[in-house]
Amino acid sequence: MQQTHHSIFVELSIFILSDDGHPASPVLKDVDITYEPVLFNGSFTKATIYRQPPGPLVDEAWLALGTRFASVLVPEDEAEKYGIKQGQVKRMKEQGGGFFAHIGVFHHLHCVDIVSTCFVNVGLLPQWWVKHVGPFADFNTVHKCRNFEAIRKWTEKHQSSRENDKAERRPGDIVLPDIP
């Protein structure tokens, strides 16, 4: 069952890229995001790499999707148009400043709850008759998705340096009592 969740997780994460309910993003400024039909492999019997038992190849596949990308940096003069507020985390001024932010899809790869409740897929899953089983949904359906690879490449190129980029808390920054 866990293997099935991994594949559904990846497929839903890619599907959420079609959501237009978020504020502007610097990705949209630099990447001509095209929509393309994507045939999902939702079959329970034809496993993808994401439905394999844990191991180095599976880990490599997840890493290739961008699950460990670092934050990107948003210039201070562009922050407001992207929904970033003064008082949120910034890189040290000596390093060029700017706000640290994550590109949503790469965070969503970790968050099944967001994928399942906020980015609800209302597409149809027709059924086939399956010998010795009866009616069974066909999860191998085509979806209209944003070009995931273009967004993955942009984020990989624009991520901050985990080793070198340091945040600084400044007077006036907002400190929350709990993790939001």
C-alpha atoms as a PDB file:
ATOM      1  CA  MET A   1       0.000   0.000   0.000  1.00  0.00           C
ATOM      2  CA  GLN A   2       2.838   2.420   0.816  1.00  0.00           C
ATOM      3  CA  GLN A   3       4.271   1.948  -2.687  1.00  0.00           C
ATOM      4  CA  THR A   4       0.957   3.007  -4.215  1.00  0.00           C
ATOM      5  CA  HIS A   5       0.932   6.138  -2.070  1.00  0.00           C
ATOM      6  CA  HIS A   6       4.369   7.137  -3.403  1.00  0.00           C
ATOM      7  CA  SER A   7       3.219   7.018  -7.024  1.00  0.00           C
ATOM      8  CA  ILE A   8      -0.031   8.802  -6.285  1.00  0.00           C
ATOM      9  CA  PHE A   9       1.980  11.324  -4.268  1.00  0.00           C
ATOM     10  CA  VAL A  10       4.229  12.141  -7.242  1.00  0.00           C
ATOM     11  CA  GLU A  11       1.387  12.217  -9.722  1.00  0.00           C
ATOM     12  CA  LEU A  12      -0.730  14.475  -7.516  1.00  0.00           C
ATOM     13  CA  SER A  13       2.244  16.723  -6.857  1.00  0.00           C
ATOM     14  CA  ILE A  14       2.727  17.202 -10.576  1.00  0.00           C
ATOM     15  CA  PHE A  15      -1.016  17.739 -11.015  1.00  0.00           C
ATOM     16  CA  ILE A  16      -1.101  20.541  -8.434  1.00  0.00           C
ATOM     17  CA  LEU A  17       1.075  22.613 -10.710  1.00  0.00           C
ATOM     18  CA  SER A  18      -2.064  23.336 -12.692  1.00  0.00           C
ATOM     19  CA  ASP A  19      -3.500  25.307  -9.756  1.00  0.00           C
ATOM     20  CA  ASP A  20      -3.766  29.029 -10.449  1.00  0.00           C
ATOM     21  CA  GLY A  21      -5.013  30.068  -7.012  1.00  0.00           C
ATOM     22  CA  HIS A  22      -1.688  31.330  -5.688  1.00  0.00           C
ATOM     23  CA  PRO A  23      -0.030  34.752  -5.916  1.00  0.00           C
ATOM     24  CA  ALA A  24       2.446  35.437  -8.674  1.00  0.00           C
ATOM     25  CA  SER A  25       5.751  33.581  -8.620  1.00  0.00           C
ATOM     26  CA  PRO A  26       9.205  34.458  -9.942  1.00  0.00           C
ATOM     27  CA  VAL A  27       9.054  31.155 -11.806  1.00  0.00           C
ATOM     28  CA  LEU A  28       6.319  32.645 -14.002  1.00  0.00           C
ATOM     29  CA  LYS A  29       8.547  35.630 -14.780  1.00  0.00           C
ATOM     30  CA  ASP A  30      11.417  33.506 -16.075  1.00  0.00           C
ATOM     31  CA  VAL A  31       9.831  30.322 -17.396  1.00  0.00           C
ATOM     32  CA  ASP A  32       7.322  30.132 -20.221  1.00  0.00           C
ATOM     33  CA  ILE A  33       5.231  27.475 -18.573  1.00  0.00           C
ATOM     34  CA  THR A  34       3.388  25.401 -21.094  1.00  0.00           C
ATOM     35  CA  TYR A  35       0.572  23.008 -20.437  1.00  0.00           C
ATOM     36  CA  GLU A  36       0.968  19.508 -21.705  1.00  0.00           C
ATOM     37  CA  PRO A  37      -1.070  16.333 -21.571  1.00  0.00           C
ATOM     38  CA  VAL A  38       0.414  13.887 -19.073  1.00  0.00           C
ATOM     39  CA  LEU A  39      -0.671  10.264 -18.965  1.00  0.00           C
ATOM     40  CA  PHE A  40      -0.601   9.175 -15.338  1.00  0.00           C
ATOM     41  CA  ASN A  41       0.512   5.648 -14.540  1.00  0.00           C
ATOM     42  CA  GLY A  42      -1.927   4.985 -11.751  1.00  0.00           C
ATOM     43  CA  SER A  43      -2.001   1.241 -12.319  1.00  0.00           C
ATOM     44  CA  PHE A  44      -1.820  -0.906  -9.225  1.00  0.00           C
ATOM     45  CA  THR A  45      -0.115  -3.681 -11.164  1.00  0.00           C
ATOM     46  CA  LYS A  46       2.429  -1.759 -13.264  1.00  0.00           C
ATOM     47  CA  ALA A  47       4.624  -0.085 -10.687  1.00  0.00           C
ATOM     48  CA  THR A  48       6.707   3.006 -11.364  1.00  0.00           C
ATOM     49  CA  ILE A  49      10.041   3.711  -9.660  1.00  0.00           C
ATOM     50  CA  TYR A  50       8.067   5.573  -6.965  1.00  0.00           C
ATOM     51  CA  ARG A  51       6.195   2.390  -6.061  1.00  0.00           C
ATOM     52  CA  GLN A  52       9.272   0.215  -5.586  1.00  0.00           C
ATOM     53  CA  PRO A  53      10.556  -0.946  -2.196  1.00  0.00           C
ATOM     54  CA  PRO A  54      12.897   1.597  -0.563  1.00  0.00           C
ATOM     55  CA  GLY A  55      16.429   1.593  -1.906  1.00  0.00           C
ATOM     56  CA  PRO A  56      19.104   3.687  -3.619  1.00  0.00           C
ATOM     57  CA  LEU A  57      17.330   3.854  -7.010  1.00  0.00           C
ATOM     58  CA  VAL A  58      14.066   4.973  -5.432  1.00  0.00           C
ATOM     59  CA  ASP A  59      15.902   7.557  -3.318  1.00  0.00           C
ATOM     60  CA  GLU A  60      17.676   8.824  -6.427  1.00  0.00           C
ATOM     61  CA  ALA A  61      14.356   9.176  -8.280  1.00  0.00           C
ATOM     62  CA  TRP A  62      12.848  11.234  -5.448  1.00  0.00           C
ATOM     63  CA  LEU A  63      15.935  13.434  -5.229  1.00  0.00           C
ATOM     64  CA  ALA A  64      15.806  14.005  -8.992  1.00  0.00           C
ATOM     65  CA  LEU A  65      12.293  15.428  -8.573  1.00  0.00           C
ATOM     66  CA  GLY A  66      13.663  18.145  -6.297  1.00  0.00           C
ATOM     67  CA  THR A  67      12.576  16.933  -2.870  1.00  0.00           C
ATOM     68  CA  ARG A  68      15.732  18.347  -1.307  1.00  0.00           C
ATOM     69  CA  PHE A  69      15.964  21.671  -3.141  1.00  0.00           C
ATOM     70  CA  ALA A  70      17.027  24.575  -0.959  1.00  0.00           C
ATOM     71  CA  SER A  71      15.134  27.857  -0.732  1.00  0.00           C
ATOM     72  CA  VAL A  72      15.198  30.296  -3.619  1.00  0.00           C
ATOM     73  CA  LEU A  73      15.992  33.954  -3.046  1.00  0.00           C
ATOM     74  CA  VAL A  74      13.471  36.654  -3.897  1.00  0.00           C
ATOM     75  CA  PRO A  75      14.878  40.183  -4.287  1.00  0.00           C
ATOM     76  CA  GLU A  76      13.539  42.566  -1.643  1.00  0.00           C
ATOM     77  CA  ASP A  77      12.103  44.953  -4.241  1.00  0.00           C
ATOM     78  CA  GLU A  78      10.009  42.111  -5.733  1.00  0.00           C
ATOM     79  CA  ALA A  79       8.861  40.508  -2.472  1.00  0.00           C
ATOM     80  CA  GLU A  80       5.521  42.286  -2.074  1.00  0.00           C
ATOM     81  CA  LYS A  81       4.217  41.263  -5.495  1.00  0.00           C
ATOM     82  CA  TYR A  82       4.908  37.625  -4.561  1.00  0.00           C
ATOM     83  CA  GLY A  83       3.042  37.851  -1.249  1.00  0.00           C
ATOM     84  CA  ILE A  84       6.165  38.096   0.932  1.00  0.00           C
ATOM     85  CA  LYS A  85       5.897  40.495   3.858  1.00  0.00           C
ATOM     86  CA  GLN A  86       8.480  42.603   5.614  1.00  0.00           C
ATOM     87  CA  GLY A  87       9.412  40.767   8.783  1.00  0.00           C
ATOM     88  CA  GLN A  88       9.759  37.418   7.032  1.00  0.00           C
ATOM     89  CA  VAL A  89      13.124  35.653   6.787  1.00  0.00           C
ATOM     90  CA  LYS A  90      15.816  37.412   4.761  1.00  0.00           C
ATOM     91  CA  ARG A  91      19.340  36.562   3.720  1.00  0.00           C
ATOM     92  CA  MET A  92      22.083  38.596   5.386  1.00  0.00           C
ATOM     93  CA  LYS A  93      22.572  42.001   3.782  1.00  0.00           C
ATOM     94  CA  GLU A  94      26.318  41.301   3.354  1.00  0.00           C
ATOM     95  CA  GLN A  95      25.370  38.397   1.094  1.00  0.00           C
ATOM     96  CA  GLY A  96      23.062  40.478  -1.066  1.00  0.00           C
ATOM     97  CA  GLY A  97      19.839  40.333   0.944  1.00  0.00           C
ATOM     98  CA  GLY A  98      16.581  39.023  -0.441  1.00  0.00           C
ATOM     99  CA  PHE A  99      13.940  36.803   1.075  1.00  0.00           C
ATOM    100  CA  PHE A 100      14.211  33.025   1.389  1.00  0.00           C
ATOM    101  CA  ALA A 101      11.215  31.182  -0.085  1.00  0.00           C
ATOM    102  CA  HIS A 102      10.346  27.699  -1.307  1.00  0.00           C
ATOM    103  CA  ILE A 103       8.633  26.892  -4.593  1.00  0.00           C
ATOM    104  CA  GLY A 104       5.376  25.257  -3.543  1.00  0.00           C
ATOM    105  CA  VAL A 105       5.475  22.075  -5.591  1.00  0.00           C
ATOM    106  CA  PHE A 106       8.758  20.957  -4.056  1.00  0.00           C
ATOM    107  CA  HIS A 107       7.323  21.397  -0.586  1.00  0.00           C
ATOM    108  CA  HIS A 108       4.091  19.680  -1.644  1.00  0.00           C
ATOM    109  CA  LEU A 109       6.071  16.594  -2.552  1.00  0.00           C
ATOM    110  CA  HIS A 110       6.196  16.143   1.222  1.00  0.00           C
ATOM    111  CA  CYS A 111       2.611  17.095   2.035  1.00  0.00           C
ATOM    112  CA  VAL A 112      -0.090  14.622   1.080  1.00  0.00           C
ATOM    113  CA  ASP A 113      -2.654  16.532   3.148  1.00  0.00           C
ATOM    114  CA  ILE A 114      -2.283  19.682   1.040  1.00  0.00           C
ATOM    115  CA  VAL A 115      -2.377  17.676  -2.162  1.00  0.00           C
ATOM    116  CA  SER A 116      -5.461  15.714  -1.157  1.00  0.00           C
ATOM    117  CA  THR A 117      -7.527  18.548   0.336  1.00  0.00           C
ATOM    118  CA  CYS A 118      -6.530  21.714  -1.484  1.00  0.00           C
ATOM    119  CA  PHE A 119      -5.757  20.533  -4.995  1.00  0.00           C
ATOM    120  CA  VAL A 120      -8.705  18.274  -5.541  1.00  0.00           C
ATOM    121  CA  ASN A 121      -8.737  16.487  -8.887  1.00  0.00           C
ATOM    122  CA  VAL A 122     -12.267  16.384 -10.267  1.00  0.00           C
ATOM    123  CA  GLY A 123     -11.282  14.443 -13.389  1.00  0.00           C
ATOM    124  CA  LEU A 124     -13.148  11.267 -14.222  1.00  0.00           C
ATOM    125  CA  LEU A 125     -11.695   7.809 -13.691  1.00  0.00           C
ATOM    126  CA  PRO A 126     -13.677   5.504 -15.978  1.00  0.00           C
ATOM    127  CA  GLN A 127     -13.930   1.842 -15.129  1.00  0.00           C
ATOM    128  CA  TRP A 128     -13.044  -1.335 -16.986  1.00  0.00           C
ATOM    129  CA  TRP A 129     -14.304  -4.841 -16.466  1.00  0.00           C
ATOM    130  CA  VAL A 130     -11.442  -6.920 -15.096  1.00  0.00           C
ATOM    131  CA  LYS A 131     -11.563 -10.703 -15.242  1.00  0.00           C
ATOM    132  CA  HIS A 132     -11.951 -12.268 -11.772  1.00  0.00           C
ATOM    133  CA  VAL A 133     -12.211  -8.792 -10.203  1.00  0.00           C
ATOM    134  CA  GLY A 134     -15.222  -6.997 -11.683  1.00  0.00           C
ATOM    135  CA  PRO A 135     -15.427  -3.239 -12.307  1.00  0.00           C
ATOM    136  CA  PHE A 136     -12.156  -1.431 -11.595  1.00  0.00           C
ATOM    137  CA  ALA A 137     -11.222   2.238 -12.043  1.00  0.00           C
ATOM    138  CA  ASP A 138      -8.676   3.120 -14.746  1.00  0.00           C
ATOM    139  CA  PHE A 139      -6.144   5.356 -13.015  1.00  0.00           C
ATOM    140  CA  ASN A 140      -4.058   5.687 -16.202  1.00  0.00           C
ATOM    141  CA  THR A 141      -5.688   8.920 -17.332  1.00  0.00           C
ATOM    142  CA  VAL A 142      -4.488  12.035 -19.138  1.00  0.00           C
ATOM    143  CA  HIS A 143      -4.322  15.338 -17.252  1.00  0.00           C
ATOM    144  CA  LYS A 144      -3.503  18.869 -18.384  1.00  0.00           C
ATOM    145  CA  CYS A 145      -0.472  19.825 -16.294  1.00  0.00           C
ATOM    146  CA  ARG A 146       2.081  22.593 -16.209  1.00  0.00           C
ATOM    147  CA  ASN A 147       5.475  21.562 -17.508  1.00  0.00           C
ATOM    148  CA  PHE A 148       6.962  20.127 -14.308  1.00  0.00           C
ATOM    149  CA  GLU A 149      10.470  19.757 -15.737  1.00  0.00           C
ATOM    150  CA  ALA A 150      10.716  23.460 -16.652  1.00  0.00           C
ATOM    151  CA  ILE A 151       9.743  24.436 -13.098  1.00  0.00           C
ATOM    152  CA  ARG A 152      12.098  21.850 -11.589  1.00  0.00           C
ATOM    153  CA  LYS A 153      15.016  23.184 -13.652  1.00  0.00           C
ATOM    154  CA  TRP A 154      14.233  26.819 -12.729  1.00  0.00           C
ATOM    155  CA  THR A 155      14.119  25.992  -9.025  1.00  0.00           C
ATOM    156  CA  GLU A 156      17.304  23.937  -9.186  1.00  0.00           C
ATOM    157  CA  LYS A 157      19.109  26.846 -10.874  1.00  0.00           C
ATOM    158  CA  HIS A 158      17.778  29.508  -8.470  1.00  0.00           C
ATOM    159  CA  GLN A 159      18.084  27.710  -5.139  1.00  0.00           C
ATOM    160  CA  SER A 160      20.200  29.328  -2.472  1.00  0.00           C
ATOM    161  CA  SER A 161      23.441  27.865  -1.195  1.00  0.00           C
ATOM    162  CA  ARG A 162      22.664  25.906   1.969  1.00  0.00           C
ATOM    163  CA  GLU A 163      26.267  26.171   3.121  1.00  0.00           C
ATOM    164  CA  ASN A 164      26.851  29.856   2.444  1.00  0.00           C
ATOM    165  CA  ASP A 165      23.564  31.763   2.550  1.00  0.00           C
ATOM    166  CA  LYS A 166      22.719  32.825   6.073  1.00  0.00           C
ATOM    167  CA  ALA A 167      19.528  34.361   7.404  1.00  0.00           C
ATOM    168  CA  GLU A 168      19.650  37.270   9.795  1.00  0.00           C
ATOM    169  CA  ARG A 169      16.950  38.298  12.231  1.00  0.00           C
ATOM    170  CA  ARG A 170      16.580  42.075  12.166  1.00  0.00           C
ATOM    171  CA  PRO A 171      14.785  44.501  14.432  1.00  0.00           C
ATOM    172  CA  GLY A 172      11.128  44.478  13.435  1.00  0.00           C
ATOM    173  CA  ASP A 173      11.121  40.927  12.073  1.00  0.00           C
ATOM    174  CA  ILE A 174       8.090  38.946  13.121  1.00  0.00           C
ATOM    175  CA  VAL A 175       8.798  35.945  15.362  1.00  0.00           C
ATOM    176  CA  LEU A 176       5.889  33.515  15.543  1.00  0.00           C
ATOM    177  CA  PRO A 177       5.176  31.643  18.785  1.00  0.00           C
ATOM    178  CA  ASP A 178       4.629  28.364  16.907  1.00  0.00           C
ATOM    179  CA  ILE A 179       5.390  26.852  13.511  1.00  0.00           C
ATOM    180  CA  PRO A 180       2.644  28.060  11.145  1.00  0.00           C
END
